[in-house]
């Protein structure tokens, strides 16, 4: 009987991460930042699982390497998520005021 845990992590192919904009090679959309964040969070999860497996196996060197890589990917994912949030045109105050107006119309 095999008790090894099975981990399924979907890794986003690198060709999906970048969107081509012929008019501007350096342009990155908010969606591109979200895709980059997702890629790094996915990679961090993969390395966390490998670190856990290494810990279970008593492989300290592999544990250290994968824990470090997981942490770096998490930091990169957080950076891209922050950029996506800052570059977004989303206005939380506007959404709240629209909800209040909508609620008032329903009450009338």
C-alpha atoms as a PDB file:
ATOM      1  CA  UNK A   1       0.000   0.000   0.000  1.00  0.00           C
ATOM      2  CA  UNK A   2       1.377   3.359  -1.019  1.00  0.00           C
ATOM      3  CA  UNK A   3       0.662   6.192   1.437  1.00  0.00           C
ATOM      4  CA  UNK A   4       2.500   8.856  -0.526  1.00  0.00           C
ATOM      5  CA  UNK A   5       0.359  11.986  -0.857  1.00  0.00           C
ATOM      6  CA  UNK A   6      -0.631  12.952  -4.365  1.00  0.00           C
ATOM      7  CA  UNK A   7      -0.388  16.665  -5.077  1.00  0.00           C
ATOM      8  CA  UNK A   8      -1.835  18.200  -8.183  1.00  0.00           C
ATOM      9  CA  UNK A   9      -0.725  21.727  -8.958  1.00  0.00           C
ATOM     10  CA  UNK A  10      -1.590  23.367 -12.227  1.00  0.00           C
ATOM     11  CA  UNK A  11       1.346  25.374 -13.511  1.00  0.00           C
ATOM     12  CA  UNK A  12       0.504  28.046 -16.029  1.00  0.00           C
ATOM     13  CA  UNK A  13       2.611  27.721 -19.225  1.00  0.00           C
ATOM     14  CA  UNK A  14       4.916  30.672 -19.749  1.00  0.00           C
ATOM     15  CA  UNK A  15       3.444  31.413 -23.186  1.00  0.00           C
ATOM     16  CA  UNK A  16       0.092  32.158 -21.495  1.00  0.00           C
ATOM     17  CA  UNK A  17       1.704  34.626 -19.099  1.00  0.00           C
ATOM     18  CA  UNK A  18       2.624  37.287 -21.628  1.00  0.00           C
ATOM     19  CA  UNK A  19       0.230  39.078 -23.922  1.00  0.00           C
ATOM     20  CA  UNK A  20       1.689  40.388 -27.159  1.00  0.00           C
ATOM     21  CA  UNK A  21       1.050  44.029 -27.976  1.00  0.00           C
ATOM     22  CA  UNK A  22       2.754  44.815 -31.288  1.00  0.00           C
ATOM     23  CA  UNK A  23       2.444  48.574 -30.787  1.00  0.00           C
ATOM     24  CA  UNK A  24       4.256  48.488 -27.425  1.00  0.00           C
ATOM     25  CA  UNK A  25       6.551  45.615 -26.448  1.00  0.00           C
ATOM     26  CA  UNK A  26       6.769  46.799 -22.834  1.00  0.00           C
ATOM     27  CA  UNK A  27       3.009  47.107 -22.257  1.00  0.00           C
ATOM     28  CA  UNK A  28       1.601  44.892 -19.523  1.00  0.00           C
ATOM     29  CA  UNK A  29      -2.104  44.890 -18.777  1.00  0.00           C
ATOM     30  CA  UNK A  30      -3.693  44.438 -15.375  1.00  0.00           C
ATOM     31  CA  UNK A  31      -4.622  40.947 -16.556  1.00  0.00           C
ATOM     32  CA  UNK A  32      -0.946  40.213 -17.258  1.00  0.00           C
ATOM     33  CA  UNK A  33      -0.074  41.204 -13.689  1.00  0.00           C
ATOM     34  CA  UNK A  34      -2.816  38.924 -12.362  1.00  0.00           C
ATOM     35  CA  UNK A  35      -1.501  36.055 -14.513  1.00  0.00           C
ATOM     36  CA  UNK A  36       2.044  36.634 -13.242  1.00  0.00           C
ATOM     37  CA  UNK A  37       0.772  36.696  -9.641  1.00  0.00           C
ATOM     38  CA  UNK A  38      -1.125  33.440 -10.215  1.00  0.00           C
ATOM     39  CA  UNK A  39       1.951  31.838 -11.779  1.00  0.00           C
ATOM     40  CA  UNK A  40       4.137  32.746  -8.788  1.00  0.00           C
ATOM     41  CA  UNK A  41       1.546  31.670  -6.207  1.00  0.00           C
ATOM     42  CA  UNK A  42       1.159  28.365  -8.068  1.00  0.00           C
ATOM     43  CA  UNK A  43       4.927  27.862  -8.117  1.00  0.00           C
ATOM     44  CA  UNK A  44       5.096  28.740  -4.409  1.00  0.00           C
ATOM     45  CA  UNK A  45       2.466  26.091  -3.645  1.00  0.00           C
ATOM     46  CA  UNK A  46       4.435  23.530  -5.653  1.00  0.00           C
ATOM     47  CA  UNK A  47       7.621  24.277  -3.720  1.00  0.00           C
ATOM     48  CA  UNK A  48       5.784  24.233  -0.370  1.00  0.00           C
ATOM     49  CA  UNK A  49       4.526  20.739  -1.181  1.00  0.00           C
ATOM     50  CA  UNK A  50       8.029  19.630  -2.154  1.00  0.00           C
ATOM     51  CA  UNK A  51       9.385  21.135   1.069  1.00  0.00           C
ATOM     52  CA  UNK A  52       6.748  19.224   3.041  1.00  0.00           C
ATOM     53  CA  UNK A  53       7.657  15.984   1.251  1.00  0.00           C
ATOM     54  CA  UNK A  54      11.359  16.647   1.936  1.00  0.00           C
ATOM     55  CA  UNK A  55      10.596  17.231   5.605  1.00  0.00           C
ATOM     56  CA  UNK A  56       8.634  13.971   5.760  1.00  0.00           C
ATOM     57  CA  UNK A  57      11.583  12.174   4.162  1.00  0.00           C
ATOM     58  CA  UNK A  58      14.125  13.825   6.474  1.00  0.00           C
ATOM     59  CA  UNK A  59      15.912  15.515   3.545  1.00  0.00           C
ATOM     60  CA  UNK A  60      16.985  18.758   5.223  1.00  0.00           C
ATOM     61  CA  UNK A  61      18.889  20.148   2.218  1.00  0.00           C
ATOM     62  CA  UNK A  62      15.915  19.730  -0.119  1.00  0.00           C
ATOM     63  CA  UNK A  63      13.627  21.173   2.552  1.00  0.00           C
ATOM     64  CA  UNK A  64      15.766  24.311   2.816  1.00  0.00           C
ATOM     65  CA  UNK A  65      15.970  24.780  -0.966  1.00  0.00           C
ATOM     66  CA  UNK A  66      12.237  24.322  -1.612  1.00  0.00           C
ATOM     67  CA  UNK A  67      11.200  26.426   1.384  1.00  0.00           C
ATOM     68  CA  UNK A  68      13.412  29.259   0.110  1.00  0.00           C
ATOM     69  CA  UNK A  69      12.062  28.970  -3.446  1.00  0.00           C
ATOM     70  CA  UNK A  70       8.493  28.893  -2.132  1.00  0.00           C
ATOM     71  CA  UNK A  71       9.105  32.063  -0.148  1.00  0.00           C
ATOM     72  CA  UNK A  72      10.656  33.869  -3.128  1.00  0.00           C
ATOM     73  CA  UNK A  73       7.740  32.921  -5.391  1.00  0.00           C
ATOM     74  CA  UNK A  74       5.278  34.065  -2.736  1.00  0.00           C
ATOM     75  CA  UNK A  75       7.026  37.451  -2.540  1.00  0.00           C
ATOM     76  CA  UNK A  76       6.963  37.805  -6.333  1.00  0.00           C
ATOM     77  CA  UNK A  77       3.297  36.805  -6.439  1.00  0.00           C
ATOM     78  CA  UNK A  78       2.464  39.400  -3.813  1.00  0.00           C
ATOM     79  CA  UNK A  79       4.350  42.067  -5.776  1.00  0.00           C
ATOM     80  CA  UNK A  80       2.447  41.313  -8.978  1.00  0.00           C
ATOM     81  CA  UNK A  81      -0.873  41.218  -7.101  1.00  0.00           C
ATOM     82  CA  UNK A  82      -0.110  44.632  -5.586  1.00  0.00           C
ATOM     83  CA  UNK A  83       0.799  46.069  -8.993  1.00  0.00           C
ATOM     84  CA  UNK A  84      -2.443  44.682 -10.440  1.00  0.00           C
ATOM     85  CA  UNK A  85      -4.430  46.307  -7.638  1.00  0.00           C
ATOM     86  CA  UNK A  86      -2.650  49.652  -8.037  1.00  0.00           C
ATOM     87  CA  UNK A  87      -2.970  49.669 -11.841  1.00  0.00           C
ATOM     88  CA  UNK A  88      -6.644  48.726 -11.748  1.00  0.00           C
ATOM     89  CA  UNK A  89      -9.272  51.365 -12.443  1.00  0.00           C
ATOM     90  CA  UNK A  90     -11.399  49.898  -9.644  1.00  0.00           C
ATOM     91  CA  UNK A  91     -12.830  52.521  -7.280  1.00  0.00           C
ATOM     92  CA  UNK A  92     -14.154  50.871  -4.075  1.00  0.00           C
ATOM     93  CA  UNK A  93     -15.883  54.089  -2.975  1.00  0.00           C
ATOM     94  CA  UNK A  94     -17.789  54.238  -6.268  1.00  0.00           C
ATOM     95  CA  UNK A  95     -19.014  50.653  -5.883  1.00  0.00           C
ATOM     96  CA  UNK A  96     -20.233  51.356  -2.345  1.00  0.00           C
ATOM     97  CA  UNK A  97     -22.093  54.509  -3.426  1.00  0.00           C
ATOM     98  CA  UNK A  98     -23.661  52.622  -6.366  1.00  0.00           C
ATOM     99  CA  UNK A  99     -24.850  49.915  -3.943  1.00  0.00           C
ATOM    100  CA  UNK A 100     -26.382  52.516  -1.622  1.00  0.00           C
ATOM    101  CA  UNK A 101     -28.209  54.160  -4.541  1.00  0.00           C
ATOM    102  CA  UNK A 102     -29.408  50.767  -5.751  1.00  0.00           C
ATOM    103  CA  UNK A 103     -30.652  49.842  -2.262  1.00  0.00           C
ATOM    104  CA  UNK A 104     -32.521  53.168  -1.998  1.00  0.00           C
ATOM    105  CA  UNK A 105     -34.266  52.573  -5.344  1.00  0.00           C
ATOM    106  CA  UNK A 106     -35.383  49.125  -4.215  1.00  0.00           C
ATOM    107  CA  UNK A 107     -36.764  50.567  -0.949  1.00  0.00           C
ATOM    108  CA  UNK A 108     -38.816  53.186  -2.851  1.00  0.00           C
END
